[in-house]
Amino acid sequence: MAFVTVGNGMLNDQEVYNLYVELGSFRKVAIFLRSNGQINPSTGKRFTDMGIWHAVYRYGLAHMDELREEFRKQGSNPDTRLWEERMVMTALIVYKTSKTRFLSWASENGFMQYNHLFSHLLPDELPLRSLEELV
């Protein structure tokens, strides 16, 4: 197992994802980092399970095929629609501080069809047929 490089307080998402695959849980990754003396340089505190979750899913949302394959290896194999809805809901959490980033991600990945899951992010006066124009 390798140390996870850190820059500007952010975990290296790919390295954290790889540790997650190897260790099997967010908590185990956080404990591993703490036991190796790694702390968040921005806060001076240990990395939290939720911080690990965010790093894993930031990487996963950018590499969904790899993430889906890992889910299959772990015994989870949802149908395409359910998988895509899960990814949209996950992206809503990961990108919660940037509506533009979320909408860009949804458009780039062909998930605008799930707008019923994120219509609260859209201006009230915008007709749904104009979603693609937002990004």
Protein backbone atom coordinates (compact mmCIF):
# COMPACT_ATOMS: atom_id res chain seq x y z
CA MET A 1 0.00 0.00 0.00
CA ALA A 2 1.25 3.42 -0.92
CA PHE A 3 0.92 6.73 0.82
CA VAL A 4 -1.70 8.99 -0.64
CA THR A 5 -0.27 12.24 -1.95
CA VAL A 6 -2.03 15.36 -0.87
CA GLY A 7 -2.16 18.78 -2.45
CA ASN A 8 -4.04 21.83 -1.23
CA GLY A 9 -5.83 19.72 1.36
CA MET A 10 -7.30 17.44 -1.29
CA LEU A 11 -6.69 13.73 -1.42
CA ASN A 12 -5.40 12.21 -4.63
CA ASP A 13 -8.67 10.70 -5.80
CA GLN A 14 -7.19 7.86 -7.84
CA GLU A 15 -4.85 6.76 -5.06
CA VAL A 16 -7.68 6.87 -2.52
CA TYR A 17 -9.91 4.90 -4.91
CA ASN A 18 -7.17 2.27 -5.28
CA LEU A 19 -6.83 2.04 -1.49
CA TYR A 20 -10.60 1.70 -1.18
CA VAL A 21 -10.60 -1.18 -3.68
CA GLU A 22 -7.75 -2.83 -1.79
CA LEU A 23 -9.06 -2.30 1.75
CA GLY A 24 -12.81 -2.52 1.09
CA SER A 25 -14.24 0.35 3.13
CA PHE A 26 -14.03 4.10 3.60
CA ARG A 27 -13.32 3.64 7.31
CA LYS A 28 -10.38 1.31 6.63
CA VAL A 29 -8.87 3.84 4.25
CA ALA A 30 -9.24 6.62 6.84
CA ILE A 31 -7.65 4.41 9.51
CA PHE A 32 -4.82 3.46 7.14
CA LEU A 33 -4.08 7.11 6.39
CA ARG A 34 -4.20 8.05 10.07
CA SER A 35 -2.00 5.11 11.10
CA ASN A 36 0.57 6.29 8.57
CA GLY A 37 0.55 9.80 9.97
CA GLN A 38 -1.31 11.42 7.11
CA ILE A 39 -3.57 14.31 8.05
CA ASN A 40 -5.45 16.96 6.15
CA PRO A 41 -2.95 19.81 5.76
CA SER A 42 -5.78 22.35 5.57
CA THR A 43 -7.33 21.40 8.90
CA GLY A 44 -4.54 19.58 10.72
CA LYS A 45 -7.04 16.79 11.47
CA ARG A 46 -7.42 13.24 10.23
CA PHE A 47 -9.22 12.52 6.98
CA THR A 48 -12.82 11.57 7.68
CA ASP A 49 -14.79 8.67 6.24
CA MET A 50 -16.87 11.22 4.32
CA GLY A 51 -13.74 12.85 2.93
CA ILE A 52 -12.66 9.43 1.72
CA TRP A 53 -16.14 8.84 0.26
CA HIS A 54 -15.91 12.11 -1.69
CA ALA A 55 -12.46 11.26 -3.07
CA VAL A 56 -13.57 7.77 -4.14
CA TYR A 57 -16.68 9.07 -5.87
CA ARG A 58 -14.98 12.08 -7.47
CA TYR A 59 -12.71 9.54 -9.13
CA GLY A 60 -15.60 7.16 -9.82
CA LEU A 61 -17.75 9.81 -11.49
CA ALA A 62 -14.88 10.54 -13.86
CA HIS A 63 -14.29 6.79 -14.44
CA MET A 64 -17.76 5.26 -14.27
CA ASP A 65 -16.91 2.11 -16.25
CA GLU A 66 -14.14 1.28 -13.78
CA LEU A 67 -16.41 2.04 -10.82
CA ARG A 68 -19.23 -0.09 -12.21
CA GLU A 69 -16.85 -3.00 -12.75
CA GLU A 70 -15.72 -2.72 -9.13
CA PHE A 71 -19.36 -2.77 -7.99
CA ARG A 72 -19.90 -5.92 -10.05
CA LYS A 73 -16.86 -7.56 -8.43
CA GLN A 74 -18.41 -6.76 -5.05
CA GLY A 75 -21.67 -8.45 -6.08
CA SER A 76 -23.76 -5.43 -7.03
CA ASN A 77 -25.02 -5.38 -10.60
CA PRO A 78 -27.92 -2.95 -10.98
CA ASP A 79 -29.59 -2.50 -14.34
CA THR A 80 -28.46 0.44 -16.47
CA ARG A 81 -31.25 2.81 -15.46
CA LEU A 82 -30.77 2.19 -11.74
CA TRP A 83 -26.98 2.53 -12.11
CA GLU A 84 -27.33 5.83 -13.97
CA GLU A 85 -29.80 7.18 -11.41
CA ARG A 86 -27.36 6.22 -8.63
CA MET A 87 -24.59 8.07 -10.44
CA VAL A 88 -26.79 11.16 -10.81
CA MET A 89 -27.68 11.09 -7.11
CA THR A 90 -24.02 10.60 -6.19
CA ALA A 91 -22.97 13.47 -8.46
CA LEU A 92 -25.56 15.71 -6.78
CA ILE A 93 -23.72 15.14 -3.50
CA VAL A 94 -20.17 15.32 -4.88
CA TYR A 95 -20.85 18.48 -6.90
CA LYS A 96 -23.29 20.07 -4.46
CA THR A 97 -21.28 23.28 -4.28
CA SER A 98 -21.31 23.84 -8.04
CA LYS A 99 -24.55 23.67 -9.96
CA THR A 100 -22.67 24.44 -13.18
CA ARG A 101 -20.18 21.61 -12.62
CA PHE A 102 -23.00 19.16 -11.91
CA LEU A 103 -25.00 20.16 -14.98
CA SER A 104 -21.87 19.97 -17.12
CA TRP A 105 -21.14 16.46 -15.78
CA ALA A 106 -24.75 15.36 -16.42
CA SER A 107 -24.69 16.71 -19.97
CA GLU A 108 -21.27 15.24 -20.81
CA ASN A 109 -22.37 11.81 -19.61
CA GLY A 110 -25.80 11.82 -21.24
CA PHE A 111 -27.75 11.99 -17.97
CA MET A 112 -29.93 15.01 -18.70
CA GLN A 113 -32.81 12.56 -19.20
CA TYR A 114 -32.85 12.17 -15.41
CA ASN A 115 -33.72 15.83 -14.90
CA HIS A 116 -36.56 14.82 -12.57
CA LEU A 117 -33.80 14.05 -10.05
CA PHE A 118 -32.21 17.49 -10.27
CA SER A 119 -34.90 19.86 -11.56
CA HIS A 120 -34.52 21.83 -8.31
CA LEU A 121 -31.18 23.08 -9.69
CA LEU A 122 -32.82 24.60 -12.74
CA PRO A 123 -34.26 28.11 -12.96
CA ASP A 124 -38.07 28.06 -12.65
CA GLU A 125 -38.56 29.91 -15.91
CA LEU A 126 -36.44 27.46 -17.93
CA PRO A 127 -38.41 25.00 -20.06
CA LEU A 128 -37.12 21.44 -19.67
CA ARG A 129 -36.40 21.17 -23.40
CA SER A 130 -33.69 23.84 -22.90
CA LEU A 131 -31.57 21.85 -20.47
CA GLU A 132 -28.82 21.22 -22.99
CA GLU A 133 -28.44 24.97 -23.47
CA LEU A 134 -27.37 25.36 -19.83
CA VAL A 135 -24.10 23.56 -20.31
